[in-house]
Amino acid sequence: MPALPRKPCAFARCGRLTEPGQRHCQLHKRERQVRQDKERGTAANRGYGYKWQKARVGFLKHHPLCCRCEQAGLVVAAAVVDHIKPHRGDMVLFWDRANWQSLCTACHNTKTAKEDGGFGRRLT
């Protein structure tokens, strides 16, 4: 199977070629990520600090299987504690354990893409 072609970087006036299948060259990919991280804030700023990590581990110990896969009759280990209803910064909803579910990475990514409109774009 032939490799994907290298294309010019999507960043304005950048003549560098990208890696196959990428939109930005390595330099602009890093710059873009740094800019996005500044806008979004760190994981700890969004509530996913040490306290969350401890709560997440405890929740996964008690709910080790992906609930969506389980409903489909599959046995798949959960890797993510997901907020059923997106909290959007509401810390009361964030810490409400009734709003948590265990998901495998694939189910979490699918759910998040549907909620965000795919690739991090919010639906309006």
PDB file of N, CA and C in Angstrom:
ATOM      1  N   MET A   1       0.843  -1.167   0.000  1.00  0.00           N
ATOM      2  CA  MET A   1       0.000   0.000   0.000  1.00  0.00           C
ATOM      3  C   MET A   1       0.898   1.242   0.000  1.00  0.00           C
ATOM      4  N   PRO A   2       0.650   2.195  -0.882  1.00  0.00           N
ATOM      5  CA  PRO A   2       1.510   3.376  -0.950  1.00  0.00           C
ATOM      6  C   PRO A   2       1.340   4.269   0.270  1.00  0.00           C
ATOM      7  N   ALA A   3       2.402   4.958   0.619  1.00  0.00           N
ATOM      8  CA  ALA A   3       2.370   5.885   1.758  1.00  0.00           C
ATOM      9  C   ALA A   3       1.596   7.142   1.375  1.00  0.00           C
ATOM     10  N   LEU A   4       1.041   7.792   2.382  1.00  0.00           N
ATOM     11  CA  LEU A   4       0.349   9.053   2.146  1.00  0.00           C
ATOM     12  C   LEU A   4       1.356  10.106   1.699  1.00  0.00           C
ATOM     13  N   PRO A   5       0.955  11.025   0.835  1.00  0.00           N
ATOM     14  CA  PRO A   5       1.898  12.054   0.378  1.00  0.00           C
ATOM     15  C   PRO A   5       2.157  13.093   1.463  1.00  0.00           C
ATOM     16  N   ARG A   6       3.331  13.699   1.395  1.00  0.00           N
ATOM     17  CA  ARG A   6       3.661  14.805   2.301  1.00  0.00           C
ATOM     18  C   ARG A   6       3.080  16.067   1.692  1.00  0.00           C
ATOM     19  N   LYS A   7       2.458  16.901   2.516  1.00  0.00           N
ATOM     20  CA  LYS A   7       1.809  18.122   2.041  1.00  0.00           C
ATOM     21  C   LYS A   7       2.420  19.328   2.741  1.00  0.00           C
ATOM     22  N   PRO A   8       2.228  20.521   2.174  1.00  0.00           N
ATOM     23  CA  PRO A   8       2.715  21.723   2.854  1.00  0.00           C
ATOM     24  C   PRO A   8       1.959  21.942   4.161  1.00  0.00           C
ATOM     25  N   CYS A   9       2.653  22.504   5.129  1.00  0.00           N
ATOM     26  CA  CYS A   9       2.072  22.819   6.434  1.00  0.00           C
ATOM     27  C   CYS A   9       0.890  23.761   6.255  1.00  0.00           C
ATOM     28  N   ALA A  10      -0.183  23.558   7.040  1.00  0.00           N
ATOM     29  CA  ALA A  10      -1.390  24.383   6.964  1.00  0.00           C
ATOM     30  C   ALA A  10      -1.213  25.746   7.627  1.00  0.00           C
ATOM     31  N   PHE A  11      -0.091  25.949   8.323  1.00  0.00           N
ATOM     32  CA  PHE A  11       0.173  27.241   8.959  1.00  0.00           C
ATOM     33  C   PHE A  11       0.507  28.260   7.872  1.00  0.00           C
ATOM     34  N   ALA A  12      -0.024  29.468   7.989  1.00  0.00           N
ATOM     35  CA  ALA A  12       0.156  30.498   6.958  1.00  0.00           C
ATOM     36  C   ALA A  12       1.634  30.757   6.661  1.00  0.00           C
ATOM     37  N   ARG A  13       1.979  30.770   5.404  1.00  0.00           N
ATOM     38  CA  ARG A  13       3.309  31.088   4.886  1.00  0.00           C
ATOM     39  C   ARG A  13       4.411  30.146   5.382  1.00  0.00           C
ATOM     40  N   CYS A  14       4.070  28.945   5.720  1.00  0.00           N
ATOM     41  CA  CYS A  14       5.083  27.953   6.108  1.00  0.00           C
ATOM     42  C   CYS A  14       5.279  27.015   4.925  1.00  0.00           C
ATOM     43  N   GLY A  15       6.479  26.888   4.453  1.00  0.00           N
ATOM     44  CA  GLY A  15       6.746  26.048   3.285  1.00  0.00           C
ATOM     45  C   GLY A  15       7.197  24.646   3.640  1.00  0.00           C
ATOM     46  N   ARG A  16       7.295  24.327   4.933  1.00  0.00           N
ATOM     47  CA  ARG A  16       7.766  22.994   5.329  1.00  0.00           C
ATOM     48  C   ARG A  16       6.739  21.925   4.958  1.00  0.00           C
ATOM     49  N   LEU A  17       7.231  20.727   4.714  1.00  0.00           N
ATOM     50  CA  LEU A  17       6.342  19.607   4.442  1.00  0.00           C
ATOM     51  C   LEU A  17       5.996  18.895   5.741  1.00  0.00           C
ATOM     52  N   THR A  18       4.784  18.378   5.795  1.00  0.00           N
ATOM     53  CA  THR A  18       4.303  17.680   6.985  1.00  0.00           C
ATOM     54  C   THR A  18       4.670  16.210   6.906  1.00  0.00           C
ATOM     55  N   GLU A  19       4.516  15.544   8.030  1.00  0.00           N
ATOM     56  CA  GLU A  19       4.620  14.090   8.033  1.00  0.00           C
ATOM     57  C   GLU A  19       3.363  13.558   7.348  1.00  0.00           C
ATOM     58  N   PRO A  20       3.423  12.385   6.748  1.00  0.00           N
ATOM     59  CA  PRO A  20       2.233  11.843   6.071  1.00  0.00           C
ATOM     60  C   PRO A  20       1.017  11.795   6.996  1.00  0.00           C
ATOM     61  N   GLY A  21      -0.101  12.333   6.508  1.00  0.00           N
ATOM     62  CA  GLY A  21      -1.347  12.321   7.258  1.00  0.00           C
ATOM     63  C   GLY A  21      -1.498  13.450   8.261  1.00  0.00           C
ATOM     64  N   GLN A  22      -0.511  14.341   8.384  1.00  0.00           N
ATOM     65  CA  GLN A  22      -0.565  15.447   9.338  1.00  0.00           C
ATOM     66  C   GLN A  22      -0.909  16.749   8.626  1.00  0.00           C
ATOM     67  N   ARG A  23      -1.457  17.722   9.377  1.00  0.00           N
ATOM     68  CA  ARG A  23      -1.799  19.026   8.794  1.00  0.00           C
ATOM     69  C   ARG A  23      -0.708  20.057   8.993  1.00  0.00           C
ATOM     70  N   HIS A  24       0.095  19.900  10.068  1.00  0.00           N
ATOM     71  CA  HIS A  24       1.114  20.893  10.390  1.00  0.00           C
ATOM     72  C   HIS A  24       2.487  20.236  10.473  1.00  0.00           C
ATOM     73  N   CYS A  25       3.521  21.034  10.162  1.00  0.00           N
ATOM     74  CA  CYS A  25       4.889  20.551  10.331  1.00  0.00           C
ATOM     75  C   CYS A  25       5.167  20.409  11.831  1.00  0.00           C
ATOM     76  N   GLN A  26       6.286  19.800  12.180  1.00  0.00           N
ATOM     77  CA  GLN A  26       6.595  19.555  13.593  1.00  0.00           C
ATOM     78  C   GLN A  26       6.659  20.853  14.390  1.00  0.00           C
ATOM     79  N   LEU A  27       7.268  21.906  13.837  1.00  0.00           N
ATOM     80  CA  LEU A  27       7.385  23.183  14.532  1.00  0.00           C
ATOM     81  C   LEU A  27       6.009  23.765  14.839  1.00  0.00           C
ATOM     82  N   HIS A  28       5.145  23.836  13.863  1.00  0.00           N
ATOM     83  CA  HIS A  28       3.840  24.455  14.061  1.00  0.00           C
ATOM     84  C   HIS A  28       2.868  23.546  14.807  1.00  0.00           C
ATOM     85  N   LYS A  29       3.097  22.261  14.741  1.00  0.00           N
ATOM     86  CA  LYS A  29       2.281  21.332  15.522  1.00  0.00           C
ATOM     87  C   LYS A  29       2.503  21.600  17.007  1.00  0.00           C
ATOM     88  N   ARG A  30       3.781  21.796  17.404  1.00  0.00           N
ATOM     89  CA  ARG A  30       4.104  22.098  18.800  1.00  0.00           C
ATOM     90  C   ARG A  30       3.567  23.463  19.207  1.00  0.00           C
ATOM     91  N   GLU A  31       3.732  24.473  18.358  1.00  0.00           N
ATOM     92  CA  GLU A  31       3.225  25.817  18.664  1.00  0.00           C
ATOM     93  C   GLU A  31       1.711  25.805  18.844  1.00  0.00           C
ATOM     94  N   ARG A  32       1.038  25.092  17.970  1.00  0.00           N
ATOM     95  CA  ARG A  32      -0.420  24.998  18.033  1.00  0.00           C
ATOM     96  C   ARG A  32      -0.863  24.330  19.331  1.00  0.00           C
ATOM     97  N   GLN A  33      -0.159  23.267  19.729  1.00  0.00           N
ATOM     98  CA  GLN A  33      -0.497  22.552  20.958  1.00  0.00           C
ATOM     99  C   GLN A  33      -0.291  23.433  22.180  1.00  0.00           C
ATOM    100  N   VAL A  34       0.804  24.198  22.203  1.00  0.00           N
ATOM    101  CA  VAL A  34       1.072  25.104  23.326  1.00  0.00           C
ATOM    102  C   VAL A  34      -0.027  26.153  23.422  1.00  0.00           C
ATOM    103  N   ARG A  35      -0.433  26.722  22.290  1.00  0.00           N
ATOM    104  CA  ARG A  35      -1.496  27.738  22.276  1.00  0.00           C
ATOM    105  C   ARG A  35      -2.817  27.150  22.768  1.00  0.00           C
ATOM    106  N   GLN A  36      -3.138  25.937  22.320  1.00  0.00           N
ATOM    107  CA  GLN A  36      -4.375  25.289  22.762  1.00  0.00           C
ATOM    108  C   GLN A  36      -4.337  25.003  24.255  1.00  0.00           C
ATOM    109  N   ASP A  37      -3.191  24.562  24.760  1.00  0.00           N
ATOM    110  CA  ASP A  37      -3.059  24.263  26.181  1.00  0.00           C
ATOM    111  C   ASP A  37      -3.239  25.517  27.032  1.00  0.00           C
ATOM    112  N   LYS A  38      -2.698  26.658  26.562  1.00  0.00           N
ATOM    113  CA  LYS A  38      -2.851  27.912  27.302  1.00  0.00           C
ATOM    114  C   LYS A  38      -4.315  28.327  27.366  1.00  0.00           C
ATOM    115  N   GLU A  39      -5.032  28.172  26.254  1.00  0.00           N
ATOM    116  CA  GLU A  39      -6.446  28.540  26.209  1.00  0.00           C
ATOM    117  C   GLU A  39      -7.280  27.618  27.090  1.00  0.00           C
ATOM    118  N   ARG A  40      -6.957  26.362  27.069  1.00  0.00           N
ATOM    119  CA  ARG A  40      -7.737  25.354  27.779  1.00  0.00           C
ATOM    120  C   ARG A  40      -7.401  25.291  29.259  1.00  0.00           C
ATOM    121  N   GLY A  41      -6.152  25.572  29.601  1.00  0.00           N
ATOM    122  CA  GLY A  41      -5.706  25.433  30.981  1.00  0.00           C
ATOM    123  C   GLY A  41      -5.162  24.031  31.219  1.00  0.00           C
ATOM    124  N   THR A  42      -4.442  23.867  32.299  1.00  0.00           N
ATOM    125  CA  THR A  42      -3.860  22.564  32.607  1.00  0.00           C
ATOM    126  C   THR A  42      -4.951  21.620  33.115  1.00  0.00           C
ATOM    127  N   ALA A  43      -4.620  20.364  33.148  1.00  0.00           N
ATOM    128  CA  ALA A  43      -5.557  19.371  33.676  1.00  0.00           C
ATOM    129  C   ALA A  43      -5.912  19.700  35.123  1.00  0.00           C
ATOM    130  N   ALA A  44      -4.927  20.098  35.901  1.00  0.00           N
ATOM    131  CA  ALA A  44      -5.178  20.453  37.308  1.00  0.00           C
ATOM    132  C   ALA A  44      -6.105  21.662  37.401  1.00  0.00           C
ATOM    133  N   ASN A  45      -5.931  22.637  36.506  1.00  0.00           N
ATOM    134  CA  ASN A  45      -6.814  23.810  36.499  1.00  0.00           C
ATOM    135  C   ASN A  45      -8.255  23.425  36.191  1.00  0.00           C
ATOM    136  N   ARG A  46      -8.432  22.368  35.416  1.00  0.00           N
ATOM    137  CA  ARG A  46      -9.776  21.928  35.032  1.00  0.00           C
ATOM    138  C   ARG A  46     -10.372  20.949  36.047  1.00  0.00           C
ATOM    139  N   GLY A  47      -9.635  20.644  37.138  1.00  0.00           N
ATOM    140  CA  GLY A  47     -10.160  19.782  38.187  1.00  0.00           C
ATOM    141  C   GLY A  47      -9.572  18.388  38.220  1.00  0.00           C
ATOM    142  N   TYR A  48      -8.690  18.075  37.280  1.00  0.00           N
ATOM    143  CA  TYR A  48      -8.150  16.725  37.181  1.00  0.00           C
ATOM    144  C   TYR A  48      -6.780  16.612  37.842  1.00  0.00           C
ATOM    145  N   GLY A  49      -6.665  17.085  39.071  1.00  0.00           N
ATOM    146  CA  GLY A  49      -5.419  17.033  39.821  1.00  0.00           C
ATOM    147  C   GLY A  49      -5.315  15.762  40.657  1.00  0.00           C
ATOM    148  N   TYR A  50      -4.551  15.858  41.737  1.00  0.00           N
ATOM    149  CA  TYR A  50      -4.264  14.713  42.599  1.00  0.00           C
ATOM    150  C   TYR A  50      -5.540  14.125  43.204  1.00  0.00           C
ATOM    151  N   LYS A  51      -6.426  14.985  43.677  1.00  0.00           N
ATOM    152  CA  LYS A  51      -7.673  14.509  44.291  1.00  0.00           C
ATOM    153  C   LYS A  51      -8.486  13.693  43.286  1.00  0.00           C
ATOM    154  N   TRP A  52      -8.563  14.166  42.042  1.00  0.00           N
ATOM    155  CA  TRP A  52      -9.295  13.430  40.995  1.00  0.00           C
ATOM    156  C   TRP A  52      -8.610  12.101  40.710  1.00  0.00           C
ATOM    157  N   GLN A  53      -7.284  12.089  40.621  1.00  0.00           N
ATOM    158  CA  GLN A  53      -6.566  10.851  40.310  1.00  0.00           C
ATOM    159  C   GLN A  53      -6.840   9.777  41.363  1.00  0.00           C
ATOM    160  N   LYS A  54      -6.865  10.179  42.626  1.00  0.00           N
ATOM    161  CA  LYS A  54      -7.183   9.219  43.700  1.00  0.00           C
ATOM    162  C   LYS A  54      -8.619   8.721  43.572  1.00  0.00           C
ATOM    163  N   ALA A  55      -9.560   9.628  43.324  1.00  0.00           N
ATOM    164  CA  ALA A  55     -10.969   9.247  43.187  1.00  0.00           C
ATOM    165  C   ALA A  55     -11.162   8.339  41.980  1.00  0.00           C
ATOM    166  N   ARG A  56     -10.479   8.640  40.893  1.00  0.00           N
ATOM    167  CA  ARG A  56     -10.568   7.858  39.658  1.00  0.00           C
ATOM    168  C   ARG A  56     -10.107   6.413  39.895  1.00  0.00           C
ATOM    169  N   VAL A  57      -8.967   6.256  40.548  1.00  0.00           N
ATOM    170  CA  VAL A  57      -8.435   4.912  40.823  1.00  0.00           C
ATOM    171  C   VAL A  57      -9.418   4.124  41.685  1.00  0.00           C
ATOM    172  N   GLY A  58      -9.966   4.763  42.712  1.00  0.00           N
ATOM    173  CA  GLY A  58     -10.933   4.085  43.573  1.00  0.00           C
ATOM    174  C   GLY A  58     -12.193   3.690  42.825  1.00  0.00           C
ATOM    175  N   PHE A  59     -12.667   4.568  41.954  1.00  0.00           N
ATOM    176  CA  PHE A  59     -13.879   4.270  41.184  1.00  0.00           C
ATOM    177  C   PHE A  59     -13.636   3.103  40.228  1.00  0.00           C
ATOM    178  N   LEU A  60     -12.484   3.097  39.571  1.00  0.00           N
ATOM    179  CA  LEU A  60     -12.170   2.007  38.636  1.00  0.00           C
ATOM    180  C   LEU A  60     -11.975   0.671  39.360  1.00  0.00           C
ATOM    181  N   LYS A  61     -11.527   0.698  40.622  1.00  0.00           N
ATOM    182  CA  LYS A  61     -11.405  -0.544  41.392  1.00  0.00           C
ATOM    183  C   LYS A  61     -12.782  -1.160  41.630  1.00  0.00           C
ATOM    184  N   HIS A  62     -13.768  -0.307  41.884  1.00  0.00           N
ATOM    185  CA  HIS A  62     -15.124  -0.790  42.142  1.00  0.00           C
ATOM    186  C   HIS A  62     -15.934  -1.019  40.871  1.00  0.00           C
ATOM    187  N   HIS A  63     -15.534  -0.397  39.759  1.00  0.00           N
ATOM    188  CA  HIS A  63     -16.234  -0.514  38.478  1.00  0.00           C
ATOM    189  C   HIS A  63     -15.194  -0.778  37.384  1.00  0.00           C
ATOM    190  N   PRO A  64     -14.633  -1.999  37.352  1.00  0.00           N
ATOM    191  CA  PRO A  64     -13.490  -2.259  36.466  1.00  0.00           C
ATOM    192  C   PRO A  64     -13.834  -2.484  34.989  1.00  0.00           C
ATOM    193  N   LEU A  65     -15.115  -2.649  34.662  1.00  0.00           N
ATOM    194  CA  LEU A  65     -15.485  -2.936  33.276  1.00  0.00           C
ATOM    195  C   LEU A  65     -16.167  -1.752  32.616  1.00  0.00           C
ATOM    196  N   CYS A  66     -15.957  -1.632  31.306  1.00  0.00           N
ATOM    197  CA  CYS A  66     -16.605  -0.587  30.518  1.00  0.00           C
ATOM    198  C   CYS A  66     -18.109  -0.853  30.516  1.00  0.00           C
ATOM    199  N   CYS A  67     -18.891   0.122  30.979  1.00  0.00           N
ATOM    200  CA  CYS A  67     -20.333  -0.094  31.089  1.00  0.00           C
ATOM    201  C   CYS A  67     -21.012  -0.184  29.715  1.00  0.00           C
ATOM    202  N   ARG A  68     -20.511   0.504  28.711  1.00  0.00           N
ATOM    203  CA  ARG A  68     -21.117   0.426  27.369  1.00  0.00           C
ATOM    204  C   ARG A  68     -20.824  -0.916  26.716  1.00  0.00           C
ATOM    205  N   CYS A  69     -19.613  -1.390  26.843  1.00  0.00           N
ATOM    206  CA  CYS A  69     -19.266  -2.703  26.292  1.00  0.00           C
ATOM    207  C   CYS A  69     -20.040  -3.797  27.026  1.00  0.00           C
ATOM    208  N   GLU A  70     -20.176  -3.633  28.331  1.00  0.00           N
ATOM    209  CA  GLU A  70     -20.910  -4.598  29.145  1.00  0.00           C
ATOM    210  C   GLU A  70     -22.363  -4.700  28.673  1.00  0.00           C
ATOM    211  N   GLN A  71     -22.983  -3.560  28.346  1.00  0.00           N
ATOM    212  CA  GLN A  71     -24.353  -3.556  27.838  1.00  0.00           C
ATOM    213  C   GLN A  71     -24.459  -4.289  26.501  1.00  0.00           C
ATOM    214  N   ALA A  72     -23.357  -4.298  25.742  1.00  0.00           N
ATOM    215  CA  ALA A  72     -23.336  -4.984  24.446  1.00  0.00           C
ATOM    216  C   ALA A  72     -22.927  -6.447  24.586  1.00  0.00           C
ATOM    217  N   GLY A  73     -22.744  -6.904  25.821  1.00  0.00           N
ATOM    218  CA  GLY A  73     -22.385  -8.297  26.061  1.00  0.00           C
ATOM    219  C   GLY A  73     -20.901  -8.571  25.970  1.00  0.00           C
ATOM    220  N   LEU A  74     -20.072  -7.537  26.000  1.00  0.00           N
ATOM    221  CA  LEU A  74     -18.631  -7.700  25.914  1.00  0.00           C
ATOM    222  C   LEU A  74     -17.995  -7.461  27.277  1.00  0.00           C
ATOM    223  N   VAL A  75     -16.856  -8.070  27.504  1.00  0.00           N
ATOM    224  CA  VAL A  75     -16.107  -7.864  28.733  1.00  0.00           C
ATOM    225  C   VAL A  75     -14.823  -7.125  28.366  1.00  0.00           C
ATOM    226  N   VAL A  76     -14.810  -5.811  28.630  1.00  0.00           N
ATOM    227  CA  VAL A  76     -13.667  -4.966  28.291  1.00  0.00           C
ATOM    228  C   VAL A  76     -13.296  -4.142  29.517  1.00  0.00           C
ATOM    229  N   ALA A  77     -12.021  -4.111  29.834  1.00  0.00           N
ATOM    230  CA  ALA A  77     -11.547  -3.345  30.988  1.00  0.00           C
ATOM    231  C   ALA A  77     -11.750  -1.849  30.761  1.00  0.00           C
ATOM    232  N   ALA A  78     -12.212  -1.163  31.792  1.00  0.00           N
ATOM    233  CA  ALA A  78     -12.371   0.290  31.735  1.00  0.00           C
ATOM    234  C   ALA A  78     -11.030   0.947  32.000  1.00  0.00           C
ATOM    235  N   ALA A  79     -10.805   2.081  31.353  1.00  0.00           N
ATOM    236  CA  ALA A  79      -9.574   2.836  31.554  1.00  0.00           C
ATOM    237  C   ALA A  79      -9.859   4.281  31.932  1.00  0.00           C
ATOM    238  N   VAL A  80     -11.118   4.705  31.765  1.00  0.00           N
ATOM    239  CA  VAL A  80     -11.483   6.110  31.935  1.00  0.00           C
ATOM    240  C   VAL A  80     -12.707   6.216  32.835  1.00  0.00           C
ATOM    241  N   VAL A  81     -12.683   7.189  33.744  1.00  0.00           N
ATOM    242  CA  VAL A  81     -13.895   7.538  34.488  1.00  0.00           C
ATOM    243  C   VAL A  81     -14.480   8.742  33.758  1.00  0.00           C
ATOM    244  N   ASP A  82     -15.644   8.539  33.173  1.00  0.00           N
ATOM    245  CA  ASP A  82     -16.288   9.545  32.335  1.00  0.00           C
ATOM    246  C   ASP A  82     -17.414  10.228  33.096  1.00  0.00           C
ATOM    247  N   HIS A  83     -17.612  11.498  32.815  1.00  0.00           N
ATOM    248  CA  HIS A  83     -18.768  12.216  33.348  1.00  0.00           C
ATOM    249  C   HIS A  83     -19.917  11.992  32.374  1.00  0.00           C
ATOM    250  N   ILE A  84     -20.990  11.336  32.834  1.00  0.00           N
ATOM    251  CA  ILE A  84     -22.133  11.010  31.980  1.00  0.00           C
ATOM    252  C   ILE A  84     -22.682  12.280  31.350  1.00  0.00           C
ATOM    253  N   LYS A  85     -22.974  13.254  32.194  1.00  0.00           N
ATOM    254  CA  LYS A  85     -23.393  14.564  31.707  1.00  0.00           C
ATOM    255  C   LYS A  85     -22.159  15.462  31.796  1.00  0.00           C
ATOM    256  N   PRO A  86     -21.715  16.062  30.689  1.00  0.00           N
ATOM    257  CA  PRO A  86     -20.521  16.907  30.739  1.00  0.00           C
ATOM    258  C   PRO A  86     -20.658  18.006  31.790  1.00  0.00           C
ATOM    259  N   HIS A  87     -19.629  18.169  32.609  1.00  0.00           N
ATOM    260  CA  HIS A  87     -19.713  19.123  33.720  1.00  0.00           C
ATOM    261  C   HIS A  87     -19.441  20.562  33.284  1.00  0.00           C
ATOM    262  N   ARG A  88     -18.703  20.766  32.206  1.00  0.00           N
ATOM    263  CA  ARG A  88     -18.414  22.095  31.653  1.00  0.00           C
ATOM    264  C   ARG A  88     -17.949  23.085  32.733  1.00  0.00           C
ATOM    265  N   GLY A  89     -17.139  22.569  33.676  1.00  0.00           N
ATOM    266  CA  GLY A  89     -16.573  23.413  34.719  1.00  0.00           C
ATOM    267  C   GLY A  89     -17.388  23.494  36.005  1.00  0.00           C
ATOM    268  N   ASP A  90     -18.572  22.903  36.036  1.00  0.00           N
ATOM    269  CA  ASP A  90     -19.414  22.894  37.239  1.00  0.00           C
ATOM    270  C   ASP A  90     -18.843  21.854  38.209  1.00  0.00           C
ATOM    271  N   MET A  91     -18.184  22.323  39.270  1.00  0.00           N
ATOM    272  CA  MET A  91     -17.506  21.413  40.194  1.00  0.00           C
ATOM    273  C   MET A  91     -18.468  20.547  41.002  1.00  0.00           C
ATOM    274  N   VAL A  92     -19.697  20.988  41.212  1.00  0.00           N
ATOM    275  CA  VAL A  92     -20.681  20.147  41.905  1.00  0.00           C
ATOM    276  C   VAL A  92     -20.985  18.931  41.031  1.00  0.00           C
ATOM    277  N   LEU A  93     -21.233  19.164  39.755  1.00  0.00           N
ATOM    278  CA  LEU A  93     -21.493  18.073  38.814  1.00  0.00           C
ATOM    279  C   LEU A  93     -20.232  17.239  38.596  1.00  0.00           C
ATOM    280  N   PHE A  94     -19.083  17.872  38.597  1.00  0.00           N
ATOM    281  CA  PHE A  94     -17.804  17.188  38.420  1.00  0.00           C
ATOM    282  C   PHE A  94     -17.618  16.111  39.485  1.00  0.00           C
ATOM    283  N   TRP A  95     -17.912  16.437  40.746  1.00  0.00           N
ATOM    284  CA  TRP A  95     -17.676  15.504  41.856  1.00  0.00           C
ATOM    285  C   TRP A  95     -18.880  14.626  42.189  1.00  0.00           C
ATOM    286  N   ASP A  96     -19.973  14.762  41.484  1.00  0.00           N
ATOM    287  CA  ASP A  96     -21.166  13.940  41.713  1.00  0.00           C
ATOM    288  C   ASP A  96     -20.911  12.531  41.169  1.00  0.00           C
ATOM    289  N   ARG A  97     -20.676  11.568  42.068  1.00  0.00           N
ATOM    290  CA  ARG A  97     -20.344  10.201  41.638  1.00  0.00           C
ATOM    291  C   ARG A  97     -21.483   9.524  40.883  1.00  0.00           C
ATOM    292  N   ALA A  98     -22.700   9.998  41.054  1.00  0.00           N
ATOM    293  CA  ALA A  98     -23.819   9.456  40.276  1.00  0.00           C
ATOM    294  C   ALA A  98     -23.693   9.854  38.808  1.00  0.00           C
ATOM    295  N   ASN A  99     -22.831  10.821  38.523  1.00  0.00           N
ATOM    296  CA  ASN A  99     -22.602  11.287  37.161  1.00  0.00           C
ATOM    297  C   ASN A  99     -21.355  10.641  36.544  1.00  0.00           C
ATOM    298  N   TRP A 100     -20.768   9.660  37.209  1.00  0.00           N
ATOM    299  CA  TRP A 100     -19.566   8.989  36.724  1.00  0.00           C
ATOM    300  C   TRP A 100     -19.918   7.631  36.137  1.00  0.00           C
ATOM    301  N   GLN A 101     -19.150   7.226  35.121  1.00  0.00           N
ATOM    302  CA  GLN A 101     -19.260   5.878  34.569  1.00  0.00           C
ATOM    303  C   GLN A 101     -17.880   5.428  34.104  1.00  0.00           C
ATOM    304  N   SER A 102     -17.652   4.125  34.153  1.00  0.00           N
ATOM    305  CA  SER A 102     -16.398   3.558  33.693  1.00  0.00           C
ATOM    306  C   SER A 102     -16.531   3.230  32.212  1.00  0.00           C
ATOM    307  N   LEU A 103     -15.552   3.688  31.425  1.00  0.00           N
ATOM    308  CA  LEU A 103     -15.548   3.409  29.991  1.00  0.00           C
ATOM    309  C   LEU A 103     -14.165   2.958  29.546  1.00  0.00           C
ATOM    310  N   CYS A 104     -14.126   2.171  28.480  1.00  0.00           N
ATOM    311  CA  CYS A 104     -12.850   1.872  27.847  1.00  0.00           C
ATOM    312  C   CYS A 104     -12.463   3.099  27.017  1.00  0.00           C
ATOM    313  N   THR A 105     -11.249   3.163  26.586  1.00  0.00           N
ATOM    314  CA  THR A 105     -10.773   4.326  25.839  1.00  0.00           C
ATOM    315  C   THR A 105     -11.561   4.526  24.552  1.00  0.00           C
ATOM    316  N   ALA A 106     -11.859   3.454  23.839  1.00  0.00           N
ATOM    317  CA  ALA A 106     -12.594   3.571  22.568  1.00  0.00           C
ATOM    318  C   ALA A 106     -13.993   4.140  22.785  1.00  0.00           C
ATOM    319  N   CYS A 107     -14.713   3.637  23.779  1.00  0.00           N
ATOM    320  CA  CYS A 107     -16.062   4.152  24.058  1.00  0.00           C
ATOM    321  C   CYS A 107     -16.010   5.606  24.522  1.00  0.00           C
ATOM    322  N   HIS A 108     -15.014   5.951  25.341  1.00  0.00           N
ATOM    323  CA  HIS A 108     -14.888   7.333  25.808  1.00  0.00           C
ATOM    324  C   HIS A 108     -14.600   8.278  24.640  1.00  0.00           C
ATOM    325  N   ASN A 109     -13.697   7.886  23.750  1.00  0.00           N
ATOM    326  CA  ASN A 109     -13.365   8.740  22.612  1.00  0.00           C
ATOM    327  C   ASN A 109     -14.570   8.929  21.693  1.00  0.00           C
ATOM    328  N   THR A 110     -15.341   7.871  21.475  1.00  0.00           N
ATOM    329  CA  THR A 110     -16.537   7.960  20.640  1.00  0.00           C
ATOM    330  C   THR A 110     -17.558   8.895  21.267  1.00  0.00           C
ATOM    331  N   LYS A 111     -17.797   8.738  22.565  1.00  0.00           N
ATOM    332  CA  LYS A 111     -18.763   9.583  23.275  1.00  0.00           C
ATOM    333  C   LYS A 111     -18.334  11.048  23.244  1.00  0.00           C
ATOM    334  N   THR A 112     -17.065  11.297  23.520  1.00  0.00           N
ATOM    335  CA  THR A 112     -16.561  12.663  23.549  1.00  0.00           C
ATOM    336  C   THR A 112     -16.644  13.314  22.171  1.00  0.00           C
ATOM    337  N   ALA A 113     -16.308  12.576  21.127  1.00  0.00           N
ATOM    338  CA  ALA A 113     -16.375  13.126  19.766  1.00  0.00           C
ATOM    339  C   ALA A 113     -17.814  13.487  19.398  1.00  0.00           C
ATOM    340  N   LYS A 114     -18.766  12.674  19.815  1.00  0.00           N
ATOM    341  CA  LYS A 114     -20.171  12.982  19.529  1.00  0.00           C
ATOM    342  C   LYS A 114     -20.627  14.225  20.282  1.00  0.00           C
ATOM    343  N   GLU A 115     -20.216  14.347  21.547  1.00  0.00           N
ATOM    344  CA  GLU A 115     -20.609  15.503  22.361  1.00  0.00           C
ATOM    345  C   GLU A 115     -19.972  16.792  21.867  1.00  0.00           C
ATOM    346  N   ASP A 116     -18.709  16.700  21.474  1.00  0.00           N
ATOM    347  CA  ASP A 116     -17.963  17.893  21.071  1.00  0.00           C
ATOM    348  C   ASP A 116     -18.094  18.202  19.590  1.00  0.00           C
ATOM    349  N   GLY A 117     -18.778  17.374  18.853  1.00  0.00           N
ATOM    350  CA  GLY A 117     -18.886  17.597  17.410  1.00  0.00           C
ATOM    351  C   GLY A 117     -17.672  17.058  16.674  1.00  0.00           C
ATOM    352  N   GLY A 118     -16.818  16.313  17.360  1.00  0.00           N
ATOM    353  CA  GLY A 118     -15.635  15.711  16.740  1.00  0.00           C
ATOM    354  C   GLY A 118     -14.426  16.615  16.792  1.00  0.00           C
ATOM    355  N   PHE A 119     -13.296  16.060  17.118  1.00  0.00           N
ATOM    356  CA  PHE A 119     -12.011  16.745  17.131  1.00  0.00           C
ATOM    357  C   PHE A 119     -12.038  18.018  17.977  1.00  0.00           C
ATOM    358  N   GLY A 120     -12.780  18.019  19.092  1.00  0.00           N
ATOM    359  CA  GLY A 120     -12.759  19.123  20.034  1.00  0.00           C
ATOM    360  C   GLY A 120     -13.628  20.323  19.657  1.00  0.00           C
ATOM    361  N   ARG A 121     -14.373  20.252  18.566  1.00  0.00           N
ATOM    362  CA  ARG A 121     -15.228  21.376  18.181  1.00  0.00           C
ATOM    363  C   ARG A 121     -16.570  21.243  18.870  1.00  0.00           C
ATOM    364  N   ARG A 122     -16.933  22.238  19.638  1.00  0.00           N
ATOM    365  CA  ARG A 122     -18.191  22.218  20.365  1.00  0.00           C
ATOM    366  C   ARG A 122     -19.361  22.385  19.407  1.00  0.00           C
ATOM    367  N   LEU A 123     -20.405  21.618  19.655  1.00  0.00           N
ATOM    368  CA  LEU A 123     -21.651  21.787  18.896  1.00  0.00           C
ATOM    369  C   LEU A 123     -22.380  22.992  19.451  1.00  0.00           C
ATOM    370  N   THR A 124     -22.999  23.782  18.606  1.00  0.00           N
ATOM    371  CA  THR A 124     -23.729  24.949  19.083  1.00  0.00           C
ATOM    372  C   THR A 124     -25.209  24.724  19.021  1.00  0.00           C
TER     373      THR A 124
END
